[in-house]
Amino acid sequence: MSLQDVRKEINFCHKVKLPIIGVVENMSGFICPKCKKESQIFPPTTGGAEVMCQDLKIPLLGKVPLDPHIEMAFASIGGHQSRQSWERLADGSIPMWNE
């Protein structure tokens, strides 16, 4: 989803008084399955989700990279980078649901 679309959705949520927990930037980078290095295949031209969230005063909950092995990452026990990204996101978001 483009940042322009996200801004439209945020404006809609404000109009109907729907609370916004925050934004998750999906596909924030690409993790090579061989070397495990992250590359920016969709480089932000306007600052990305981080700048948008600052402008709109909405929390950026996390950034999740595009990973061809994401399904295996959730099933594995090891400390895979994508799994770590999702765990950081969940660790920061779950307490908000209880408020």
PDB file of N, CA and C in Angstrom:
ATOM      1  N   MET A   1       0.857  -1.165   0.000  1.00  0.00           N
ATOM      2  CA  MET A   1       0.000   0.000   0.000  1.00  0.00           C
ATOM      3  C   MET A   1       0.909   1.236   0.000  1.00  0.00           C
ATOM      4  N   SER A   2       0.623   2.199  -0.832  1.00  0.00           N
ATOM      5  CA  SER A   2       1.464   3.389  -0.899  1.00  0.00           C
ATOM      6  C   SER A   2       1.185   4.317   0.284  1.00  0.00           C
ATOM      7  N   LEU A   3       2.138   5.179   0.554  1.00  0.00           N
ATOM      8  CA  LEU A   3       1.961   6.137   1.650  1.00  0.00           C
ATOM      9  C   LEU A   3       0.760   7.047   1.403  1.00  0.00           C
ATOM     10  N   GLN A   4       0.500   7.358   0.147  1.00  0.00           N
ATOM     11  CA  GLN A   4      -0.660   8.190  -0.181  1.00  0.00           C
ATOM     12  C   GLN A   4      -1.952   7.478   0.243  1.00  0.00           C
ATOM     13  N   ASP A   5      -2.017   6.182  -0.014  1.00  0.00           N
ATOM     14  CA  ASP A   5      -3.188   5.400   0.412  1.00  0.00           C
ATOM     15  C   ASP A   5      -3.297   5.355   1.927  1.00  0.00           C
ATOM     16  N   VAL A   6      -2.175   5.201   2.586  1.00  0.00           N
ATOM     17  CA  VAL A   6      -2.177   5.153   4.056  1.00  0.00           C
ATOM     18  C   VAL A   6      -2.657   6.484   4.623  1.00  0.00           C
ATOM     19  N   ARG A   7      -2.193   7.580   4.050  1.00  0.00           N
ATOM     20  CA  ARG A   7      -2.660   8.901   4.509  1.00  0.00           C
ATOM     21  C   ARG A   7      -4.177   9.032   4.356  1.00  0.00           C
ATOM     22  N   LYS A   8      -4.716   8.531   3.238  1.00  0.00           N
ATOM     23  CA  LYS A   8      -6.171   8.585   3.030  1.00  0.00           C
ATOM     24  C   LYS A   8      -6.896   7.777   4.099  1.00  0.00           C
ATOM     25  N   GLU A   9      -6.373   6.604   4.413  1.00  0.00           N
ATOM     26  CA  GLU A   9      -6.983   5.764   5.443  1.00  0.00           C
ATOM     27  C   GLU A   9      -6.905   6.424   6.816  1.00  0.00           C
ATOM     28  N   ILE A  10      -5.801   7.065   7.103  1.00  0.00           N
ATOM     29  CA  ILE A  10      -5.651   7.776   8.383  1.00  0.00           C
ATOM     30  C   ILE A  10      -6.653   8.921   8.464  1.00  0.00           C
ATOM     31  N   ASN A  11      -6.806   9.668   7.380  1.00  0.00           N
ATOM     32  CA  ASN A  11      -7.797  10.751   7.354  1.00  0.00           C
ATOM     33  C   ASN A  11      -9.205  10.211   7.564  1.00  0.00           C
ATOM     34  N   PHE A  12      -9.507   9.080   6.943  1.00  0.00           N
ATOM     35  CA  PHE A  12     -10.815   8.453   7.130  1.00  0.00           C
ATOM     36  C   PHE A  12     -11.022   8.085   8.605  1.00  0.00           C
ATOM     37  N   CYS A  13     -10.016   7.468   9.204  1.00  0.00           N
ATOM     38  CA  CYS A  13     -10.121   7.075  10.620  1.00  0.00           C
ATOM     39  C   CYS A  13     -10.362   8.293  11.506  1.00  0.00           C
ATOM     40  N   HIS A  14      -9.677   9.395  11.219  1.00  0.00           N
ATOM     41  CA  HIS A  14      -9.896  10.623  11.995  1.00  0.00           C
ATOM     42  C   HIS A  14     -11.332  11.130  11.821  1.00  0.00           C
ATOM     43  N   LYS A  15     -11.846  11.092  10.594  1.00  0.00           N
ATOM     44  CA  LYS A  15     -13.205  11.593  10.324  1.00  0.00           C
ATOM     45  C   LYS A  15     -14.267  10.802  11.063  1.00  0.00           C
ATOM     46  N   VAL A  16     -14.093   9.497  11.137  1.00  0.00           N
ATOM     47  CA  VAL A  16     -15.100   8.663  11.796  1.00  0.00           C
ATOM     48  C   VAL A  16     -14.742   8.379  13.261  1.00  0.00           C
ATOM     49  N   LYS A  17     -13.712   9.083  13.742  1.00  0.00           N
ATOM     50  CA  LYS A  17     -13.270   8.972  15.135  1.00  0.00           C
ATOM     51  C   LYS A  17     -12.880   7.546  15.522  1.00  0.00           C
ATOM     52  N   LEU A  18     -12.203   6.867  14.604  1.00  0.00           N
ATOM     53  CA  LEU A  18     -11.688   5.527  14.850  1.00  0.00           C
ATOM     54  C   LEU A  18     -10.257   5.664  15.372  1.00  0.00           C
ATOM     55  N   PRO A  19      -9.985   5.160  16.565  1.00  0.00           N
ATOM     56  CA  PRO A  19      -8.628   5.304  17.123  1.00  0.00           C
ATOM     57  C   PRO A  19      -7.589   4.585  16.256  1.00  0.00           C
ATOM     58  N   ILE A  20      -6.431   5.178  16.161  1.00  0.00           N
ATOM     59  CA  ILE A  20      -5.323   4.599  15.397  1.00  0.00           C
ATOM     60  C   ILE A  20      -4.241   4.203  16.380  1.00  0.00           C
ATOM     61  N   ILE A  21      -3.917   2.932  16.395  1.00  0.00           N
ATOM     62  CA  ILE A  21      -2.862   2.448  17.283  1.00  0.00           C
ATOM     63  C   ILE A  21      -1.508   2.872  16.758  1.00  0.00           C
ATOM     64  N   GLY A  22      -1.324   2.798  15.459  1.00  0.00           N
ATOM     65  CA  GLY A  22      -0.051   3.162  14.847  1.00  0.00           C
ATOM     66  C   GLY A  22       0.051   2.580  13.454  1.00  0.00           C
ATOM     67  N   VAL A  23       1.237   2.703  12.896  1.00  0.00           N
ATOM     68  CA  VAL A  23       1.503   2.272  11.527  1.00  0.00           C
ATOM     69  C   VAL A  23       2.626   1.238  11.546  1.00  0.00           C
ATOM     70  N   VAL A  24       2.482   0.223  10.713  1.00  0.00           N
ATOM     71  CA  VAL A  24       3.538  -0.761  10.491  1.00  0.00           C
ATOM     72  C   VAL A  24       4.004  -0.599   9.052  1.00  0.00           C
ATOM     73  N   GLU A  25       5.285  -0.379   8.888  1.00  0.00           N
ATOM     74  CA  GLU A  25       5.839  -0.286   7.537  1.00  0.00           C
ATOM     75  C   GLU A  25       6.207  -1.684   7.073  1.00  0.00           C
ATOM     76  N   ASN A  26       5.430  -2.189   6.111  1.00  0.00           N
ATOM     77  CA  ASN A  26       5.684  -3.515   5.561  1.00  0.00           C
ATOM     78  C   ASN A  26       6.617  -3.387   4.360  1.00  0.00           C
ATOM     79  N   MET A  27       7.392  -4.419   4.095  1.00  0.00           N
ATOM     80  CA  MET A  27       8.349  -4.439   2.991  1.00  0.00           C
ATOM     81  C   MET A  27       9.326  -3.263   3.093  1.00  0.00           C
ATOM     82  N   SER A  28       9.798  -3.012   4.305  1.00  0.00           N
ATOM     83  CA  SER A  28      10.702  -1.885   4.521  1.00  0.00           C
ATOM     84  C   SER A  28      12.083  -2.139   3.948  1.00  0.00           C
ATOM     85  N   GLY A  29      12.371  -3.345   3.624  1.00  0.00           N
ATOM     86  CA  GLY A  29      13.643  -3.727   3.020  1.00  0.00           C
ATOM     87  C   GLY A  29      13.506  -5.152   2.527  1.00  0.00           C
ATOM     88  N   PHE A  30      14.559  -5.672   1.949  1.00  0.00           N
ATOM     89  CA  PHE A  30      14.557  -7.052   1.480  1.00  0.00           C
ATOM     90  C   PHE A  30      15.732  -7.757   2.122  1.00  0.00           C
ATOM     91  N   ILE A  31      15.466  -8.890   2.748  1.00  0.00           N
ATOM     92  CA  ILE A  31      16.543  -9.658   3.360  1.00  0.00           C
ATOM     93  C   ILE A  31      16.919 -10.788   2.415  1.00  0.00           C
ATOM     94  N   CYS A  32      18.152 -10.775   1.966  1.00  0.00           N
ATOM     95  CA  CYS A  32      18.660 -11.802   1.061  1.00  0.00           C
ATOM     96  C   CYS A  32      18.684 -13.141   1.788  1.00  0.00           C
ATOM     97  N   PRO A  33      18.079 -14.165   1.196  1.00  0.00           N
ATOM     98  CA  PRO A  33      18.058 -15.455   1.867  1.00  0.00           C
ATOM     99  C   PRO A  33      19.432 -16.129   1.957  1.00  0.00           C
ATOM    100  N   LYS A  34      20.371 -15.679   1.154  1.00  0.00           N
ATOM    101  CA  LYS A  34      21.706 -16.295   1.181  1.00  0.00           C
ATOM    102  C   LYS A  34      22.656 -15.580   2.134  1.00  0.00           C
ATOM    103  N   CYS A  35      22.790 -14.259   1.973  1.00  0.00           N
ATOM    104  CA  CYS A  35      23.778 -13.538   2.789  1.00  0.00           C
ATOM    105  C   CYS A  35      23.170 -12.878   4.025  1.00  0.00           C
ATOM    106  N   LYS A  36      21.841 -12.831   4.107  1.00  0.00           N
ATOM    107  CA  LYS A  36      21.101 -12.272   5.253  1.00  0.00           C
ATOM    108  C   LYS A  36      21.232 -10.752   5.377  1.00  0.00           C
ATOM    109  N   LYS A  37      21.772 -10.091   4.363  1.00  0.00           N
ATOM    110  CA  LYS A  37      21.884  -8.634   4.404  1.00  0.00           C
ATOM    111  C   LYS A  37      20.590  -8.006   3.916  1.00  0.00           C
ATOM    112  N   GLU A  38      20.272  -6.846   4.493  1.00  0.00           N
ATOM    113  CA  GLU A  38      19.055  -6.138   4.107  1.00  0.00           C
ATOM    114  C   GLU A  38      19.379  -5.083   3.057  1.00  0.00           C
ATOM    115  N   SER A  39      18.558  -5.035   2.022  1.00  0.00           N
ATOM    116  CA  SER A  39      18.697  -4.050   0.950  1.00  0.00           C
ATOM    117  C   SER A  39      17.391  -3.284   0.818  1.00  0.00           C
ATOM    118  N   GLN A  40      17.486  -2.053   0.377  1.00  0.00           N
ATOM    119  CA  GLN A  40      16.301  -1.233   0.138  1.00  0.00           C
ATOM    120  C   GLN A  40      15.906  -1.363  -1.332  1.00  0.00           C
ATOM    121  N   ILE A  41      14.907  -2.212  -1.615  1.00  0.00           N
ATOM    122  CA  ILE A  41      14.464  -2.348  -3.006  1.00  0.00           C
ATOM    123  C   ILE A  41      13.355  -1.349  -3.328  1.00  0.00           C
ATOM    124  N   PHE A  42      12.732  -0.813  -2.299  1.00  0.00           N
ATOM    125  CA  PHE A  42      11.738   0.252  -2.456  1.00  0.00           C
ATOM    126  C   PHE A  42      12.194   1.440  -1.611  1.00  0.00           C
ATOM    127  N   PRO A  43      13.247   2.136  -2.044  1.00  0.00           N
ATOM    128  CA  PRO A  43      13.755   3.233  -1.196  1.00  0.00           C
ATOM    129  C   PRO A  43      12.714   4.352  -1.067  1.00  0.00           C
ATOM    130  N   PRO A  44      12.552   4.870   0.147  1.00  0.00           N
ATOM    131  CA  PRO A  44      11.572   5.948   0.338  1.00  0.00           C
ATOM    132  C   PRO A  44      12.026   7.224  -0.373  1.00  0.00           C
ATOM    133  N   THR A  45      11.115   7.823  -1.107  1.00  0.00           N
ATOM    134  CA  THR A  45      11.450   9.061  -1.825  1.00  0.00           C
ATOM    135  C   THR A  45      11.048  10.292  -1.015  1.00  0.00           C
ATOM    136  N   THR A  46      10.133  10.104  -0.062  1.00  0.00           N
ATOM    137  CA  THR A  46       9.674  11.248   0.737  1.00  0.00           C
ATOM    138  C   THR A  46       9.903  11.029   2.231  1.00  0.00           C
ATOM    139  N   GLY A  47      10.768  10.090   2.578  1.00  0.00           N
ATOM    140  CA  GLY A  47      11.041   9.834   3.982  1.00  0.00           C
ATOM    141  C   GLY A  47      10.369   8.595   4.526  1.00  0.00           C
ATOM    142  N   GLY A  48       9.490   7.998   3.732  1.00  0.00           N
ATOM    143  CA  GLY A  48       8.851   6.757   4.132  1.00  0.00           C
ATOM    144  C   GLY A  48       7.863   6.912   5.268  1.00  0.00           C
ATOM    145  N   ALA A  49       7.530   5.791   5.856  1.00  0.00           N
ATOM    146  CA  ALA A  49       6.530   5.758   6.930  1.00  0.00           C
ATOM    147  C   ALA A  49       6.989   6.539   8.155  1.00  0.00           C
ATOM    148  N   GLU A  50       8.274   6.540   8.388  1.00  0.00           N
ATOM    149  CA  GLU A  50       8.801   7.239   9.568  1.00  0.00           C
ATOM    150  C   GLU A  50       8.478   8.735   9.534  1.00  0.00           C
ATOM    151  N   VAL A  51       8.743   9.381   8.417  1.00  0.00           N
ATOM    152  CA  VAL A  51       8.461  10.811   8.276  1.00  0.00           C
ATOM    153  C   VAL A  51       6.954  11.064   8.277  1.00  0.00           C
ATOM    154  N   MET A  52       6.206  10.197   7.589  1.00  0.00           N
ATOM    155  CA  MET A  52       4.752  10.348   7.570  1.00  0.00           C
ATOM    156  C   MET A  52       4.187  10.281   8.986  1.00  0.00           C
ATOM    157  N   CYS A  53       4.661   9.324   9.770  1.00  0.00           N
ATOM    158  CA  CYS A  53       4.173   9.185  11.148  1.00  0.00           C
ATOM    159  C   CYS A  53       4.540  10.402  11.997  1.00  0.00           C
ATOM    160  N   GLN A  54       5.725  10.917  11.804  1.00  0.00           N
ATOM    161  CA  GLN A  54       6.119  12.140  12.526  1.00  0.00           C
ATOM    162  C   GLN A  54       5.206  13.300  12.140  1.00  0.00           C
ATOM    163  N   ASP A  55       4.949  13.453  10.841  1.00  0.00           N
ATOM    164  CA  ASP A  55       4.098  14.545  10.362  1.00  0.00           C
ATOM    165  C   ASP A  55       2.676  14.442  10.921  1.00  0.00           C
ATOM    166  N   LEU A  56       2.158  13.213  10.985  1.00  0.00           N
ATOM    167  CA  LEU A  56       0.774  13.003  11.412  1.00  0.00           C
ATOM    168  C   LEU A  56       0.641  12.723  12.910  1.00  0.00           C
ATOM    169  N   LYS A  57       1.788  12.696  13.594  1.00  0.00           N
ATOM    170  CA  LYS A  57       1.813  12.431  15.047  1.00  0.00           C
ATOM    171  C   LYS A  57       1.134  11.098  15.390  1.00  0.00           C
ATOM    172  N   ILE A  58       1.539  10.068  14.648  1.00  0.00           N
ATOM    173  CA  ILE A  58       1.046   8.705  14.849  1.00  0.00           C
ATOM    174  C   ILE A  58       2.265   7.820  15.104  1.00  0.00           C
ATOM    175  N   PRO A  59       2.179   6.911  16.068  1.00  0.00           N
ATOM    176  CA  PRO A  59       3.336   6.051  16.341  1.00  0.00           C
ATOM    177  C   PRO A  59       3.682   5.126  15.172  1.00  0.00           C
ATOM    178  N   LEU A  60       4.959   4.999  14.917  1.00  0.00           N
ATOM    179  CA  LEU A  60       5.444   3.995  13.979  1.00  0.00           C
ATOM    180  C   LEU A  60       5.740   2.764  14.830  1.00  0.00           C
ATOM    181  N   LEU A  61       4.914   1.740  14.701  1.00  0.00           N
ATOM    182  CA  LEU A  61       5.022   0.563  15.554  1.00  0.00           C
ATOM    183  C   LEU A  61       6.185  -0.335  15.181  1.00  0.00           C
ATOM    184  N   GLY A  62       6.531  -0.344  13.923  1.00  0.00           N
ATOM    185  CA  GLY A  62       7.635  -1.196  13.500  1.00  0.00           C
ATOM    186  C   GLY A  62       7.800  -1.209  12.005  1.00  0.00           C
ATOM    187  N   LYS A  63       8.918  -1.807  11.596  1.00  0.00           N
ATOM    188  CA  LYS A  63       9.232  -1.968  10.180  1.00  0.00           C
ATOM    189  C   LYS A  63       9.498  -3.446   9.956  1.00  0.00           C
ATOM    190  N   VAL A  64       8.808  -4.030   8.994  1.00  0.00           N
ATOM    191  CA  VAL A  64       8.949  -5.454   8.722  1.00  0.00           C
ATOM    192  C   VAL A  64       9.509  -5.624   7.315  1.00  0.00           C
ATOM    193  N   PRO A  65      10.659  -6.277   7.198  1.00  0.00           N
ATOM    194  CA  PRO A  65      11.263  -6.448   5.882  1.00  0.00           C
ATOM    195  C   PRO A  65      10.555  -7.509   5.048  1.00  0.00           C
ATOM    196  N   LEU A  66      10.710  -7.402   3.756  1.00  0.00           N
ATOM    197  CA  LEU A  66      10.244  -8.419   2.817  1.00  0.00           C
ATOM    198  C   LEU A  66      11.231  -9.573   2.906  1.00  0.00           C
ATOM    199  N   ASP A  67      10.719 -10.753   3.205  1.00  0.00           N
ATOM    200  CA  ASP A  67      11.600 -11.893   3.422  1.00  0.00           C
ATOM    201  C   ASP A  67      11.003 -13.115   2.737  1.00  0.00           C
ATOM    202  N   PRO A  68      11.723 -13.702   1.790  1.00  0.00           N
ATOM    203  CA  PRO A  68      11.172 -14.854   1.083  1.00  0.00           C
ATOM    204  C   PRO A  68      10.956 -16.072   1.977  1.00  0.00           C
ATOM    205  N   HIS A  69      11.522 -16.068   3.145  1.00  0.00           N
ATOM    206  CA  HIS A  69      11.387 -17.212   4.045  1.00  0.00           C
ATOM    207  C   HIS A  69      10.561 -16.873   5.281  1.00  0.00           C
ATOM    208  N   ILE A  70       9.650 -15.934   5.161  1.00  0.00           N
ATOM    209  CA  ILE A  70       8.927 -15.478   6.352  1.00  0.00           C
ATOM    210  C   ILE A  70       8.088 -16.589   6.976  1.00  0.00           C
ATOM    211  N   GLU A  71       7.513 -17.441   6.165  1.00  0.00           N
ATOM    212  CA  GLU A  71       6.714 -18.533   6.723  1.00  0.00           C
ATOM    213  C   GLU A  71       7.591 -19.454   7.564  1.00  0.00           C
ATOM    214  N   MET A  72       8.771 -19.762   7.053  1.00  0.00           N
ATOM    215  CA  MET A  72       9.695 -20.605   7.809  1.00  0.00           C
ATOM    216  C   MET A  72      10.180 -19.885   9.061  1.00  0.00           C
ATOM    217  N   ALA A  73      10.285 -18.566   8.986  1.00  0.00           N
ATOM    218  CA  ALA A  73      10.763 -17.803  10.135  1.00  0.00           C
ATOM    219  C   ALA A  73       9.819 -17.937  11.323  1.00  0.00           C
ATOM    220  N   PHE A  74       8.527 -17.929  11.059  1.00  0.00           N
ATOM    221  CA  PHE A  74       7.564 -18.065  12.146  1.00  0.00           C
ATOM    222  C   PHE A  74       7.569 -19.477  12.718  1.00  0.00           C
ATOM    223  N   ALA A  75       7.834 -20.453  11.875  1.00  0.00           N
ATOM    224  CA  ALA A  75       7.814 -21.837  12.328  1.00  0.00           C
ATOM    225  C   ALA A  75       9.110 -22.237  13.028  1.00  0.00           C
ATOM    226  N   SER A  76      10.169 -21.510  12.741  1.00  0.00           N
ATOM    227  CA  SER A  76      11.465 -21.901  13.304  1.00  0.00           C
ATOM    228  C   SER A  76      11.636 -21.389  14.730  1.00  0.00           C
ATOM    229  N   ILE A  77      12.552 -21.979  15.408  1.00  0.00           N
ATOM    230  CA  ILE A  77      12.840 -21.566  16.785  1.00  0.00           C
ATOM    231  C   ILE A  77      13.933 -20.510  16.810  1.00  0.00           C
ATOM    232  N   GLY A  78      14.782 -20.489  15.797  1.00  0.00           N
ATOM    233  CA  GLY A  78      15.935 -19.599  15.775  1.00  0.00           C
ATOM    234  C   GLY A  78      15.580 -18.124  15.729  1.00  0.00           C
ATOM    235  N   GLY A  79      16.577 -17.278  15.787  1.00  0.00           N
ATOM    236  CA  GLY A  79      16.401 -15.832  15.822  1.00  0.00           C
ATOM    237  C   GLY A  79      16.440 -15.204  14.444  1.00  0.00           C
ATOM    238  N   HIS A  80      15.582 -15.616  13.551  1.00  0.00           N
ATOM    239  CA  HIS A  80      15.527 -15.102  12.191  1.00  0.00           C
ATOM    240  C   HIS A  80      15.162 -13.619  12.214  1.00  0.00           C
ATOM    241  N   GLN A  81      15.725 -12.835  11.295  1.00  0.00           N
ATOM    242  CA  GLN A  81      15.517 -11.381  11.289  1.00  0.00           C
ATOM    243  C   GLN A  81      14.060 -10.990  11.152  1.00  0.00           C
ATOM    244  N   SER A  82      13.311 -11.625  10.250  1.00  0.00           N
ATOM    245  CA  SER A  82      11.907 -11.269  10.073  1.00  0.00           C
ATOM    246  C   SER A  82      11.101 -11.624  11.308  1.00  0.00           C
ATOM    247  N   ARG A  83      11.388 -12.778  11.869  1.00  0.00           N
ATOM    248  CA  ARG A  83      10.690 -13.173  13.094  1.00  0.00           C
ATOM    249  C   ARG A  83      10.953 -12.155  14.196  1.00  0.00           C
ATOM    250  N   GLN A  84      12.198 -11.709  14.299  1.00  0.00           N
ATOM    251  CA  GLN A  84      12.541 -10.701  15.310  1.00  0.00           C
ATOM    252  C   GLN A  84      11.772  -9.409  15.068  1.00  0.00           C
ATOM    253  N   SER A  85      11.611  -9.007  13.811  1.00  0.00           N
ATOM    254  CA  SER A  85      10.856  -7.786  13.497  1.00  0.00           C
ATOM    255  C   SER A  85       9.414  -7.912  13.945  1.00  0.00           C
ATOM    256  N   TRP A  86       8.804  -9.054  13.659  1.00  0.00           N
ATOM    257  CA  TRP A  86       7.413  -9.268  14.062  1.00  0.00           C
ATOM    258  C   TRP A  86       7.282  -9.354  15.575  1.00  0.00           C
ATOM    259  N   GLU A  87       8.260  -9.979  16.244  1.00  0.00           N
ATOM    260  CA  GLU A  87       8.204 -10.081  17.700  1.00  0.00           C
ATOM    261  C   GLU A  87       8.332  -8.705  18.346  1.00  0.00           C
ATOM    262  N   ARG A  88       9.223  -7.853  17.813  1.00  0.00           N
ATOM    263  CA  ARG A  88       9.351  -6.491  18.347  1.00  0.00           C
ATOM    264  C   ARG A  88       8.043  -5.727  18.165  1.00  0.00           C
ATOM    265  N   LEU A  89       7.422  -5.918  17.023  1.00  0.00           N
ATOM    266  CA  LEU A  89       6.141  -5.269  16.748  1.00  0.00           C
ATOM    267  C   LEU A  89       5.092  -5.736  17.746  1.00  0.00           C
ATOM    268  N   ALA A  90       4.988  -7.027  17.941  1.00  0.00           N
ATOM    269  CA  ALA A  90       4.002  -7.577  18.870  1.00  0.00           C
ATOM    270  C   ALA A  90       4.287  -7.141  20.300  1.00  0.00           C
ATOM    271  N   ASP A  91       5.539  -7.138  20.693  1.00  0.00           N
ATOM    272  CA  ASP A  91       5.890  -6.735  22.056  1.00  0.00           C
ATOM    273  C   ASP A  91       5.476  -5.297  22.337  1.00  0.00           C
ATOM    274  N   GLY A  92       5.576  -4.445  21.330  1.00  0.00           N
ATOM    275  CA  GLY A  92       5.199  -3.047  21.525  1.00  0.00           C
ATOM    276  C   GLY A  92       3.718  -2.780  21.406  1.00  0.00           C
ATOM    277  N   SER A  93       2.993  -3.632  20.688  1.00  0.00           N
ATOM    278  CA  SER A  93       1.575  -3.378  20.402  1.00  0.00           C
ATOM    279  C   SER A  93       0.614  -4.030  21.362  1.00  0.00           C
ATOM    280  N   ILE A  94       0.939  -5.198  21.844  1.00  0.00           N
ATOM    281  CA  ILE A  94      -0.025  -5.954  22.637  1.00  0.00           C
ATOM    282  C   ILE A  94      -0.511  -5.200  23.869  1.00  0.00           C
ATOM    283  N   PRO A  95       0.333  -4.494  24.624  1.00  0.00           N
ATOM    284  CA  PRO A  95      -0.206  -3.773  25.795  1.00  0.00           C
ATOM    285  C   PRO A  95      -1.257  -2.738  25.409  1.00  0.00           C
ATOM    286  N   MET A  96      -1.182  -2.183  24.206  1.00  0.00           N
ATOM    287  CA  MET A  96      -2.154  -1.167  23.785  1.00  0.00           C
ATOM    288  C   MET A  96      -3.556  -1.752  23.660  1.00  0.00           C
ATOM    289  N   TRP A  97      -3.671  -3.033  23.304  1.00  0.00           N
ATOM    290  CA  TRP A  97      -4.975  -3.653  23.127  1.00  0.00           C
ATOM    291  C   TRP A  97      -5.715  -3.785  24.437  1.00  0.00           C
ATOM    292  N   ASN A  98      -4.997  -3.784  25.541  1.00  0.00           N
ATOM    293  CA  ASN A  98      -5.613  -3.961  26.846  1.00  0.00           C
ATOM    294  C   ASN A  98      -6.092  -2.641  27.459  1.00  0.00           C
ATOM    295  N   GLU A  99      -5.760  -1.542  26.829  1.00  0.00           N
ATOM    296  CA  GLU A  99      -6.134  -0.231  27.397  1.00  0.00           C
ATOM    297  C   GLU A  99      -7.565   0.140  27.058  1.00  0.00           C
TER     298      GLU A  99
END
